[in-house]
Amino acid sequence: MYYKIFMIVGVIVVGLGWLAYAIWDYRLRQRETREPPKRSERFQKTQSEIADWAKKMAQFQKPTRKSEGDKPTNE
């Protein structure tokens, strides 16, 4: 008799726990989808350094070769 009561109460408590966890998990997922992902300071610093490097590379001009006639002679 006590075993049946214990099992019924136990199943109800575990079921309520699962329900509470499912609601909490659903709300957490909804909150994460609304907010933009948070980026670390290190990631932002690296991203800005790469952007600066890309700008420098875009402005880079290939060096021109000097022709044979432009070379100084050592005489």
PDB file of N, CA and C in Angstrom:
ATOM      1  N   MET A   1       0.818  -1.188   0.000  1.00  0.00           N
ATOM      2  CA  MET A   1       0.000   0.000   0.000  1.00  0.00           C
ATOM      3  C   MET A   1       0.869   1.261   0.000  1.00  0.00           C
ATOM      4  N   TYR A   2       1.861   1.327   0.905  1.00  0.00           N
ATOM      5  CA  TYR A   2       2.737   2.498   0.971  1.00  0.00           C
ATOM      6  C   TYR A   2       3.591   2.604  -0.289  1.00  0.00           C
ATOM      7  N   TYR A   3       3.930   1.449  -0.848  1.00  0.00           N
ATOM      8  CA  TYR A   3       4.730   1.434  -2.070  1.00  0.00           C
ATOM      9  C   TYR A   3       3.965   2.091  -3.223  1.00  0.00           C
ATOM     10  N   LYS A   4       2.687   1.784  -3.356  1.00  0.00           N
ATOM     11  CA  LYS A   4       1.879   2.376  -4.422  1.00  0.00           C
ATOM     12  C   LYS A   4       1.787   3.890  -4.266  1.00  0.00           C
ATOM     13  N   ILE A   5       1.559   4.351  -3.059  1.00  0.00           N
ATOM     14  CA  ILE A   5       1.470   5.792  -2.798  1.00  0.00           C
ATOM     15  C   ILE A   5       2.810   6.461  -3.089  1.00  0.00           C
ATOM     16  N   PHE A   6       3.891   5.834  -2.650  1.00  0.00           N
ATOM     17  CA  PHE A   6       5.232   6.368  -2.889  1.00  0.00           C
ATOM     18  C   PHE A   6       5.518   6.458  -4.389  1.00  0.00           C
ATOM     19  N   MET A   7       5.181   5.424  -5.139  1.00  0.00           N
ATOM     20  CA  MET A   7       5.438   5.414  -6.579  1.00  0.00           C
ATOM     21  C   MET A   7       4.568   6.443  -7.305  1.00  0.00           C
ATOM     22  N   ILE A   8       3.328   6.594  -6.922  1.00  0.00           N
ATOM     23  CA  ILE A   8       2.452   7.581  -7.557  1.00  0.00           C
ATOM     24  C   ILE A   8       2.985   8.988  -7.312  1.00  0.00           C
ATOM     25  N   VAL A   9       3.340   9.274  -6.069  1.00  0.00           N
ATOM     26  CA  VAL A   9       3.888  10.594  -5.743  1.00  0.00           C
ATOM     27  C   VAL A   9       5.213  10.804  -6.471  1.00  0.00           C
ATOM     28  N   GLY A  10       6.047   9.788  -6.513  1.00  0.00           N
ATOM     29  CA  GLY A  10       7.339   9.892  -7.202  1.00  0.00           C
ATOM     30  C   GLY A  10       7.190  10.160  -8.686  1.00  0.00           C
ATOM     31  N   VAL A  11       6.277   9.456  -9.337  1.00  0.00           N
ATOM     32  CA  VAL A  11       6.047   9.658 -10.768  1.00  0.00           C
ATOM     33  C   VAL A  11       5.524  11.067 -11.023  1.00  0.00           C
ATOM     34  N   ILE A  12       4.653  11.554 -10.177  1.00  0.00           N
ATOM     35  CA  ILE A  12       4.127  12.916 -10.341  1.00  0.00           C
ATOM     36  C   ILE A  12       5.241  13.952 -10.176  1.00  0.00           C
ATOM     37  N   VAL A  13       6.085  13.755  -9.163  1.00  0.00           N
ATOM     38  CA  VAL A  13       7.185  14.708  -8.927  1.00  0.00           C
ATOM     39  C   VAL A  13       8.159  14.701 -10.099  1.00  0.00           C
ATOM     40  N   VAL A  14       8.534  13.510 -10.585  1.00  0.00           N
ATOM     41  CA  VAL A  14       9.458  13.426 -11.719  1.00  0.00           C
ATOM     42  C   VAL A  14       8.815  14.033 -12.967  1.00  0.00           C
ATOM     43  N   GLY A  15       7.554  13.777 -13.193  1.00  0.00           N
ATOM     44  CA  GLY A  15       6.856  14.353 -14.340  1.00  0.00           C
ATOM     45  C   GLY A  15       6.813  15.866 -14.287  1.00  0.00           C
ATOM     46  N   LEU A  16       6.551  16.420 -13.112  1.00  0.00           N
ATOM     47  CA  LEU A  16       6.561  17.881 -12.955  1.00  0.00           C
ATOM     48  C   LEU A  16       7.960  18.445 -13.179  1.00  0.00           C
ATOM     49  N   GLY A  17       8.967  17.713 -12.740  1.00  0.00           N
ATOM     50  CA  GLY A  17      10.352  18.151 -12.967  1.00  0.00           C
ATOM     51  C   GLY A  17      10.686  18.200 -14.448  1.00  0.00           C
ATOM     52  N   TRP A  18      10.289  17.162 -15.190  1.00  0.00           N
ATOM     53  CA  TRP A  18      10.515  17.161 -16.634  1.00  0.00           C
ATOM     54  C   TRP A  18       9.757  18.287 -17.311  1.00  0.00           C
ATOM     55  N   LEU A  19       8.551  18.527 -16.889  1.00  0.00           N
ATOM     56  CA  LEU A  19       7.759  19.608 -17.463  1.00  0.00           C
ATOM     57  C   LEU A  19       8.413  20.967 -17.202  1.00  0.00           C
ATOM     58  N   ALA A  20       8.875  21.182 -15.978  1.00  0.00           N
ATOM     59  CA  ALA A  20       9.540  22.439 -15.639  1.00  0.00           C
ATOM     60  C   ALA A  20      10.816  22.610 -16.463  1.00  0.00           C
ATOM     61  N   TYR A  21      11.573  21.533 -16.638  1.00  0.00           N
ATOM     62  CA  TYR A  21      12.797  21.605 -17.441  1.00  0.00           C
ATOM     63  C   TYR A  21      12.475  21.911 -18.895  1.00  0.00           C
ATOM     64  N   ALA A  22      11.430  21.296 -19.453  1.00  0.00           N
ATOM     65  CA  ALA A  22      11.051  21.543 -20.846  1.00  0.00           C
ATOM     66  C   ALA A  22      10.646  22.998 -21.046  1.00  0.00           C
ATOM     67  N   ILE A  23       9.903  23.563 -20.113  1.00  0.00           N
ATOM     68  CA  ILE A  23       9.501  24.964 -20.214  1.00  0.00           C
ATOM     69  C   ILE A  23      10.720  25.873 -20.117  1.00  0.00           C
ATOM     70  N   TRP A  24      11.617  25.586 -19.179  1.00  0.00           N
ATOM     71  CA  TRP A  24      12.826  26.401 -19.004  1.00  0.00           C
ATOM     72  C   TRP A  24      13.694  26.339 -20.259  1.00  0.00           C
ATOM     73  N   ASP A  25      13.866  25.142 -20.843  1.00  0.00           N
ATOM     74  CA  ASP A  25      14.680  24.975 -22.043  1.00  0.00           C
ATOM     75  C   ASP A  25      14.052  25.705 -23.224  1.00  0.00           C
ATOM     76  N   TYR A  26      12.734  25.640 -23.368  1.00  0.00           N
ATOM     77  CA  TYR A  26      12.043  26.333 -24.454  1.00  0.00           C
ATOM     78  C   TYR A  26      12.244  27.843 -24.347  1.00  0.00           C
ATOM     79  N   ARG A  27      12.086  28.386 -23.152  1.00  0.00           N
ATOM     80  CA  ARG A  27      12.277  29.832 -22.960  1.00  0.00           C
ATOM     81  C   ARG A  27      13.712  30.254 -23.236  1.00  0.00           C
ATOM     82  N   LEU A  28      14.663  29.435 -22.819  1.00  0.00           N
ATOM     83  CA  LEU A  28      16.078  29.742 -23.056  1.00  0.00           C
ATOM     84  C   LEU A  28      16.377  29.769 -24.548  1.00  0.00           C
ATOM     85  N   ARG A  29      15.858  28.800 -25.299  1.00  0.00           N
ATOM     86  CA  ARG A  29      16.070  28.783 -26.748  1.00  0.00           C
ATOM     87  C   ARG A  29      15.422  29.976 -27.428  1.00  0.00           C
ATOM     88  N   GLN A  30      14.238  30.362 -26.983  1.00  0.00           N
ATOM     89  CA  GLN A  30      13.570  31.525 -27.558  1.00  0.00           C
ATOM     90  C   GLN A  30      14.367  32.800 -27.301  1.00  0.00           C
ATOM     91  N   ARG A  31      14.913  32.949 -26.111  1.00  0.00           N
ATOM     92  CA  ARG A  31      15.714  34.118 -25.772  1.00  0.00           C
ATOM     93  C   ARG A  31      16.988  34.167 -26.609  1.00  0.00           C
ATOM     94  N   GLU A  32      17.608  33.015 -26.834  1.00  0.00           N
ATOM     95  CA  GLU A  32      18.834  32.981 -27.622  1.00  0.00           C
ATOM     96  C   GLU A  32      18.586  33.326 -29.082  1.00  0.00           C
ATOM     97  N   THR A  33      17.429  32.951 -29.607  1.00  0.00           N
ATOM     98  CA  THR A  33      17.146  33.274 -31.007  1.00  0.00           C
ATOM     99  C   THR A  33      16.860  34.760 -31.197  1.00  0.00           C
ATOM    100  N   ARG A  34      16.357  35.436 -30.179  1.00  0.00           N
ATOM    101  CA  ARG A  34      16.065  36.865 -30.290  1.00  0.00           C
ATOM    102  C   ARG A  34      17.309  37.719 -30.161  1.00  0.00           C
ATOM    103  N   GLU A  35      18.267  37.303 -29.346  1.00  0.00           N
ATOM    104  CA  GLU A  35      19.464  38.099 -29.110  1.00  0.00           C
ATOM    105  C   GLU A  35      20.550  37.735 -30.116  1.00  0.00           C
ATOM    106  N   PRO A  36      21.314  38.727 -30.556  1.00  0.00           N
ATOM    107  CA  PRO A  36      22.434  38.400 -31.440  1.00  0.00           C
ATOM    108  C   PRO A  36      23.517  37.654 -30.647  1.00  0.00           C
ATOM    109  N   PRO A  37      24.304  36.849 -31.312  1.00  0.00           N
ATOM    110  CA  PRO A  37      25.340  36.104 -30.586  1.00  0.00           C
ATOM    111  C   PRO A  37      26.373  37.062 -29.989  1.00  0.00           C
ATOM    112  N   LYS A  38      26.807  36.764 -28.792  1.00  0.00           N
ATOM    113  CA  LYS A  38      27.785  37.615 -28.121  1.00  0.00           C
ATOM    114  C   LYS A  38      29.186  37.217 -28.569  1.00  0.00           C
ATOM    115  N   ARG A  39      29.974  38.219 -28.887  1.00  0.00           N
ATOM    116  CA  ARG A  39      31.331  37.963 -29.371  1.00  0.00           C
ATOM    117  C   ARG A  39      32.325  38.436 -28.330  1.00  0.00           C
ATOM    118  N   SER A  40      33.366  37.670 -28.178  1.00  0.00           N
ATOM    119  CA  SER A  40      34.366  37.999 -27.171  1.00  0.00           C
ATOM    120  C   SER A  40      35.216  39.179 -27.634  1.00  0.00           C
ATOM    121  N   GLU A  41      35.877  39.799 -26.684  1.00  0.00           N
ATOM    122  CA  GLU A  41      36.738  40.939 -26.994  1.00  0.00           C
ATOM    123  C   GLU A  41      37.884  40.512 -27.892  1.00  0.00           C
ATOM    124  N   ARG A  42      38.421  39.333 -27.656  1.00  0.00           N
ATOM    125  CA  ARG A  42      39.534  38.831 -28.467  1.00  0.00           C
ATOM    126  C   ARG A  42      39.083  38.616 -29.913  1.00  0.00           C
ATOM    127  N   PHE A  43      37.883  38.066 -30.095  1.00  0.00           N
ATOM    128  CA  PHE A  43      37.352  37.847 -31.442  1.00  0.00           C
ATOM    129  C   PHE A  43      37.177  39.173 -32.165  1.00  0.00           C
ATOM    130  N   GLN A  44      36.632  40.176 -31.496  1.00  0.00           N
ATOM    131  CA  GLN A  44      36.422  41.476 -32.122  1.00  0.00           C
ATOM    132  C   GLN A  44      37.754  42.125 -32.490  1.00  0.00           C
ATOM    133  N   LYS A  45      38.762  41.970 -31.634  1.00  0.00           N
ATOM    134  CA  LYS A  45      40.084  42.537 -31.918  1.00  0.00           C
ATOM    135  C   LYS A  45      40.689  41.861 -33.144  1.00  0.00           C
ATOM    136  N   THR A  46      40.595  40.544 -33.205  1.00  0.00           N
ATOM    137  CA  THR A  46      41.131  39.811 -34.345  1.00  0.00           C
ATOM    138  C   THR A  46      40.395  40.193 -35.621  1.00  0.00           C
ATOM    139  N   GLN A  47      39.088  40.331 -35.537  1.00  0.00           N
ATOM    140  CA  GLN A  47      38.292  40.691 -36.708  1.00  0.00           C
ATOM    141  C   GLN A  47      38.688  42.078 -37.218  1.00  0.00           C
ATOM    142  N   SER A  48      38.918  43.028 -36.324  1.00  0.00           N
ATOM    143  CA  SER A  48      39.310  44.374 -36.762  1.00  0.00           C
ATOM    144  C   SER A  48      40.724  44.366 -37.351  1.00  0.00           C
ATOM    145  N   GLU A  49      41.617  43.542 -36.791  1.00  0.00           N
ATOM    146  CA  GLU A  49      42.971  43.447 -37.341  1.00  0.00           C
ATOM    147  C   GLU A  49      42.944  42.868 -38.752  1.00  0.00           C
ATOM    148  N   ILE A  50      42.103  41.890 -38.978  1.00  0.00           N
ATOM    149  CA  ILE A  50      41.995  41.291 -40.313  1.00  0.00           C
ATOM    150  C   ILE A  50      41.400  42.300 -41.295  1.00  0.00           C
ATOM    151  N   ALA A  51      40.432  43.076 -40.837  1.00  0.00           N
ATOM    152  CA  ALA A  51      39.833  44.099 -41.704  1.00  0.00           C
ATOM    153  C   ALA A  51      40.883  45.152 -42.066  1.00  0.00           C
ATOM    154  N   ASP A  52      41.709  45.565 -41.101  1.00  0.00           N
ATOM    155  CA  ASP A  52      42.780  46.530 -41.386  1.00  0.00           C
ATOM    156  C   ASP A  52      43.782  45.953 -42.382  1.00  0.00           C
ATOM    157  N   TRP A  53      44.141  44.682 -42.208  1.00  0.00           N
ATOM    158  CA  TRP A  53      45.079  44.031 -43.114  1.00  0.00           C
ATOM    159  C   TRP A  53      44.498  43.957 -44.524  1.00  0.00           C
ATOM    160  N   ALA A  54      43.208  43.658 -44.633  1.00  0.00           N
ATOM    161  CA  ALA A  54      42.561  43.574 -45.944  1.00  0.00           C
ATOM    162  C   ALA A  54      42.569  44.938 -46.638  1.00  0.00           C
ATOM    163  N   LYS A  55      42.369  46.024 -45.880  1.00  0.00           N
ATOM    164  CA  LYS A  55      42.422  47.361 -46.470  1.00  0.00           C
ATOM    165  C   LYS A  55      43.820  47.671 -46.985  1.00  0.00           C
ATOM    166  N   LYS A  56      44.834  47.288 -46.215  1.00  0.00           N
ATOM    167  CA  LYS A  56      46.220  47.506 -46.658  1.00  0.00           C
ATOM    168  C   LYS A  56      46.522  46.716 -47.927  1.00  0.00           C
ATOM    169  N   MET A  57      46.037  45.494 -47.988  1.00  0.00           N
ATOM    170  CA  MET A  57      46.278  44.666 -49.170  1.00  0.00           C
ATOM    171  C   MET A  57      45.535  45.220 -50.386  1.00  0.00           C
ATOM    172  N   ALA A  58      44.390  45.837 -50.180  1.00  0.00           N
ATOM    173  CA  ALA A  58      43.646  46.423 -51.288  1.00  0.00           C
ATOM    174  C   ALA A  58      44.388  47.639 -51.850  1.00  0.00           C
ATOM    175  N   GLN A  59      45.115  48.353 -51.001  1.00  0.00           N
ATOM    176  CA  GLN A  59      45.859  49.531 -51.433  1.00  0.00           C
ATOM    177  C   GLN A  59      47.257  49.189 -51.942  1.00  0.00           C
ATOM    178  N   PHE A  60      47.670  47.940 -51.776  1.00  0.00           N
ATOM    179  CA  PHE A  60      49.011  47.526 -52.168  1.00  0.00           C
ATOM    180  C   PHE A  60      49.158  47.597 -53.677  1.00  0.00           C
ATOM    181  N   GLN A  61      50.300  48.148 -54.111  1.00  0.00           N
ATOM    182  CA  GLN A  61      50.594  48.203 -55.534  1.00  0.00           C
ATOM    183  C   GLN A  61      51.844  47.381 -55.790  1.00  0.00           C
ATOM    184  N   LYS A  62      51.783  46.607 -56.839  1.00  0.00           N
ATOM    185  CA  LYS A  62      52.896  45.742 -57.188  1.00  0.00           C
ATOM    186  C   LYS A  62      54.106  46.601 -57.547  1.00  0.00           C
ATOM    187  N   PRO A  63      55.276  46.276 -57.012  1.00  0.00           N
ATOM    188  CA  PRO A  63      56.458  47.073 -57.351  1.00  0.00           C
ATOM    189  C   PRO A  63      56.824  46.879 -58.826  1.00  0.00           C
ATOM    190  N   THR A  64      57.294  47.943 -59.422  1.00  0.00           N
ATOM    191  CA  THR A  64      57.670  47.869 -60.837  1.00  0.00           C
ATOM    192  C   THR A  64      59.149  47.525 -60.948  1.00  0.00           C
ATOM    193  N   ARG A  65      59.474  46.759 -61.969  1.00  0.00           N
ATOM    194  CA  ARG A  65      60.880  46.389 -62.204  1.00  0.00           C
ATOM    195  C   ARG A  65      61.571  47.499 -62.963  1.00  0.00           C
ATOM    196  N   LYS A  66      62.793  47.690 -62.605  1.00  0.00           N
ATOM    197  CA  LYS A  66      63.584  48.667 -63.349  1.00  0.00           C
ATOM    198  C   LYS A  66      64.155  47.983 -64.575  1.00  0.00           C
ATOM    199  N   SER A  67      64.235  48.714 -65.640  1.00  0.00           N
ATOM    200  CA  SER A  67      64.779  48.126 -66.864  1.00  0.00           C
ATOM    201  C   SER A  67      66.299  48.052 -66.764  1.00  0.00           C
ATOM    202  N   GLU A  68      66.911  47.302 -67.669  1.00  0.00           N
ATOM    203  CA  GLU A  68      68.361  47.091 -67.642  1.00  0.00           C
ATOM    204  C   GLU A  68      69.110  48.408 -67.841  1.00  0.00           C
ATOM    205  N   GLY A  69      68.528  49.318 -68.565  1.00  0.00           N
ATOM    206  CA  GLY A  69      69.193  50.582 -68.845  1.00  0.00           C
ATOM    207  C   GLY A  69      69.220  51.504 -67.645  1.00  0.00           C
ATOM    208  N   ASP A  70      68.398  51.294 -66.642  1.00  0.00           N
ATOM    209  CA  ASP A  70      68.331  52.157 -65.473  1.00  0.00           C
ATOM    210  C   ASP A  70      69.346  51.790 -64.404  1.00  0.00           C
ATOM    211  N   LYS A  71      69.992  50.611 -64.558  1.00  0.00           N
ATOM    212  CA  LYS A  71      70.945  50.179 -63.521  1.00  0.00           C
ATOM    213  C   LYS A  71      72.193  51.044 -63.543  1.00  0.00           C
ATOM    214  N   PRO A  72      72.653  51.454 -62.363  1.00  0.00           N
ATOM    215  CA  PRO A  72      73.899  52.223 -62.337  1.00  0.00           C
ATOM    216  C   PRO A  72      75.088  51.283 -62.569  1.00  0.00           C
ATOM    217  N   THR A  73      76.070  51.793 -63.230  1.00  0.00           N
ATOM    218  CA  THR A  73      77.276  50.998 -63.491  1.00  0.00           C
ATOM    219  C   THR A  73      78.329  51.342 -62.450  1.00  0.00           C
ATOM    220  N   ASN A  74      79.151  50.371 -62.136  1.00  0.00           N
ATOM    221  CA  ASN A  74      80.185  50.578 -61.111  1.00  0.00           C
ATOM    222  C   ASN A  74      81.541  50.846 -61.762  1.00  0.00           C
ATOM    223  N   GLU A  75      81.625  51.741 -62.682  1.00  0.00           N
ATOM    224  CA  GLU A  75      82.894  52.031 -63.330  1.00  0.00           C
ATOM    225  C   GLU A  75      83.524  53.291 -62.853  1.00  0.00           C
TER     226      GLU A  75
END
